[in-house]
Amino acid sequence: MFEIEELTPHGWRHELEVEDSRQAFWIARERCDQKLHPYRVSDPKKKTICLLTARSSKTIEVDRDLVS
């Protein structure tokens, strides 16, 4: 499942989970455009994160060894 989260003043807030990555992206894009808040979509293992803002989107491959 791909997790969709909204960035709020209190941090990332879980909104929903979707099975298909493309569907998750487009749901997050639509909500981002409506609310004008950043959203992110992450894969089940949290290795790939797509950040969406009103102006763009960026996909990041997370290397947990470097982050730890």
C-alpha atoms as a PDB file:
ATOM      1  CA  MET A   1       0.000   0.000   0.000  1.00  0.00           C
ATOM      2  CA  PHE A   2       1.164   3.519  -0.819  1.00  0.00           C
ATOM      3  CA  GLU A   3       0.638   6.020   1.977  1.00  0.00           C
ATOM      4  CA  ILE A   4      -0.636   9.540   1.293  1.00  0.00           C
ATOM      5  CA  GLU A   5       0.141  12.199   3.906  1.00  0.00           C
ATOM      6  CA  GLU A   6      -0.537  15.927   4.202  1.00  0.00           C
ATOM      7  CA  LEU A   7       1.925  18.365   5.773  1.00  0.00           C
ATOM      8  CA  THR A   8       0.167  20.293   8.551  1.00  0.00           C
ATOM      9  CA  PRO A   9       1.535  22.798  11.085  1.00  0.00           C
ATOM     10  CA  HIS A  10       1.916  19.802  13.443  1.00  0.00           C
ATOM     11  CA  GLY A  11       3.821  17.578  11.000  1.00  0.00           C
ATOM     12  CA  TRP A  12       2.834  14.909   8.489  1.00  0.00           C
ATOM     13  CA  ARG A  13      -0.741  13.638   8.883  1.00  0.00           C
ATOM     14  CA  HIS A  14      -1.805  10.271   7.469  1.00  0.00           C
ATOM     15  CA  GLU A  15      -4.748  10.578   5.072  1.00  0.00           C
ATOM     16  CA  LEU A  16      -5.133   7.220   3.365  1.00  0.00           C
ATOM     17  CA  GLU A  17      -3.455   4.250   1.743  1.00  0.00           C
ATOM     18  CA  VAL A  18      -3.882   3.190  -1.877  1.00  0.00           C
ATOM     19  CA  GLU A  19      -2.710  -0.003  -3.609  1.00  0.00           C
ATOM     20  CA  ASP A  20      -1.626   1.580  -6.906  1.00  0.00           C
ATOM     21  CA  SER A  21       1.295   4.051  -6.988  1.00  0.00           C
ATOM     22  CA  ARG A  22      -0.098   6.094  -9.879  1.00  0.00           C
ATOM     23  CA  GLN A  23      -3.505   6.364  -8.273  1.00  0.00           C
ATOM     24  CA  ALA A  24      -1.833   7.474  -5.022  1.00  0.00           C
ATOM     25  CA  PHE A  25       0.132  10.140  -6.888  1.00  0.00           C
ATOM     26  CA  TRP A  26      -2.945  11.570  -8.613  1.00  0.00           C
ATOM     27  CA  ILE A  27      -5.005  11.578  -5.418  1.00  0.00           C
ATOM     28  CA  ALA A  28      -2.211  13.440  -3.633  1.00  0.00           C
ATOM     29  CA  ARG A  29      -1.820  15.845  -6.591  1.00  0.00           C
ATOM     30  CA  GLU A  30      -5.534  16.656  -6.560  1.00  0.00           C
ATOM     31  CA  ARG A  31      -5.591  17.262  -2.803  1.00  0.00           C
ATOM     32  CA  CYS A  32      -2.414  19.327  -2.939  1.00  0.00           C
ATOM     33  CA  ASP A  33      -3.910  21.527  -5.656  1.00  0.00           C
ATOM     34  CA  GLN A  34      -7.175  21.934  -3.725  1.00  0.00           C
ATOM     35  CA  LYS A  35      -5.731  22.645  -0.270  1.00  0.00           C
ATOM     36  CA  LEU A  36      -2.440  24.240  -1.347  1.00  0.00           C
ATOM     37  CA  HIS A  37      -0.608  22.156   1.258  1.00  0.00           C
ATOM     38  CA  PRO A  38       2.347  19.874   0.503  1.00  0.00           C
ATOM     39  CA  TYR A  39       1.610  16.164   0.275  1.00  0.00           C
ATOM     40  CA  ARG A  40       3.795  13.111   0.095  1.00  0.00           C
ATOM     41  CA  VAL A  41       3.331   9.580  -1.179  1.00  0.00           C
ATOM     42  CA  SER A  42       5.563   6.807   0.119  1.00  0.00           C
ATOM     43  CA  ASP A  43       5.975   3.206  -0.925  1.00  0.00           C
ATOM     44  CA  PRO A  44       5.306   0.354   1.509  1.00  0.00           C
ATOM     45  CA  LYS A  45       8.974   0.097   2.566  1.00  0.00           C
ATOM     46  CA  LYS A  46       9.436   3.885   2.783  1.00  0.00           C
ATOM     47  CA  LYS A  47      12.307   3.687   0.280  1.00  0.00           C
ATOM     48  CA  THR A  48      10.731   6.002  -2.288  1.00  0.00           C
ATOM     49  CA  ILE A  49       8.968   9.211  -1.379  1.00  0.00           C
ATOM     50  CA  CYS A  50       7.253  11.588  -3.775  1.00  0.00           C
ATOM     51  CA  LEU A  51       6.854  15.135  -2.446  1.00  0.00           C
ATOM     52  CA  LEU A  52       4.148  17.254  -4.054  1.00  0.00           C
ATOM     53  CA  THR A  53       3.733  21.011  -3.764  1.00  0.00           C
ATOM     54  CA  ALA A  54       1.483  23.447  -5.580  1.00  0.00           C
ATOM     55  CA  ARG A  55       4.230  24.077  -8.133  1.00  0.00           C
ATOM     56  CA  SER A  56       6.035  20.774  -8.533  1.00  0.00           C
ATOM     57  CA  SER A  57       6.655  17.202  -7.500  1.00  0.00           C
ATOM     58  CA  LYS A  58       9.899  15.426  -6.740  1.00  0.00           C
ATOM     59  CA  THR A  59      10.668  11.757  -6.175  1.00  0.00           C
ATOM     60  CA  ILE A  60      13.380  10.855  -3.696  1.00  0.00           C
ATOM     61  CA  GLU A  61      15.045   7.478  -3.226  1.00  0.00           C
ATOM     62  CA  VAL A  62      15.817   7.121   0.474  1.00  0.00           C
ATOM     63  CA  ASP A  63      19.076   5.436   1.442  1.00  0.00           C
ATOM     64  CA  ARG A  64      18.469   4.403   5.038  1.00  0.00           C
ATOM     65  CA  ASP A  65      22.162   3.656   5.602  1.00  0.00           C
ATOM     66  CA  LEU A  66      23.048   7.308   4.946  1.00  0.00           C
ATOM     67  CA  VAL A  67      20.117   8.672   6.937  1.00  0.00           C
ATOM     68  CA  SER A  68      20.751   6.586  10.048  1.00  0.00           C
END
